[in-house]
């Protein structure tokens, strides 16, 4: 979710920052753990797997839109001005934010959760390539090195041999398809962020909570239509009734996603986008570790080297942003 600028609040305290870190870490690490459980764990004695990962996005969107509505009601946040965005302004980013995460979830059938996390961490690489080729943008040497580390790291990780245990957990092992779905996810995420920024630029009175609610309502509409059309919603409902432990996992997935989005809203408005980027990047590192330790998704040496290169590149990118001097406005 784009944050609408994200100026750091001068009175941001250490307690609030720690609350943001714990909130984002707790929410998304838990959600990552649950999403991997749902996608890789057979339920019941017959080894049945959850039939519709996309339905998780529908449930999460419902939870997130409700959470945003309640937060606005409690905080008294409104977006009723002439310069605020309406629900129709978010129809295109709502569509792309429906397709992108769905591809990311579906990739978990083909590649491991650590592989998916790392693949989705290389967003800056296509952004820099397109910026250089199409918009003649110039980047610093350190930024190119960071992008190279991330790109090569992803390549090393994907080409390295996977452990037999990690392969056995997958519903349908297929590296090419899995990474392809992650690329589609990145493409749509990039478009979504750009459109959100455009809406906020044109409608400056729009609040982040209002945007969160409208975006998730469109997710409900598009996901609901798709799932009703192909019958997956009925299959998912029947499966959850048959295996209550799956219903519990799905509920936890939705609640942690909604809580995480609220903490992201709070963090970017209180401490700024750099703090949010730092928190979410380090969170991905711990998500990979937890997947390896708790869900027994072992990484071999080549994969650890690739993962190390990716996180080194992400760390360098954060450092460059933190030390970059703002451009002086021409007088």
Foldseek 3Di string as FASTA:
>chain_A
DAQLFQDAAPPDDPVLLVVLLCLQLVLVLLLLVLLLCQQQAQDDPVRHGQDASLVLLLLLLVLQLVLLVVVCVVVVDDQPDPLADDLVLCLLLLVLLSLLVSLLSVLCLAAPSLLSLLLLLLLVLVVVVCCCPPVVDDDDPLLVLLNVLSVVLNVLQLPDDFDPVLVNRHNHHDSVSSSVSSVSSSVSVVVSNVSVNVSCVRRVSYHPSNVSNSSSVSSNVVSVVVCVVVVSVVSSVVVCVVGVVSVVSSVSSSNSSNSNSVSLNVCSNHGNDLSVLVSVLVSSVVSSVCCCPVVVRDGDPSNVSSVVSNSVSSVSVSVCVVPDDDDDDDD
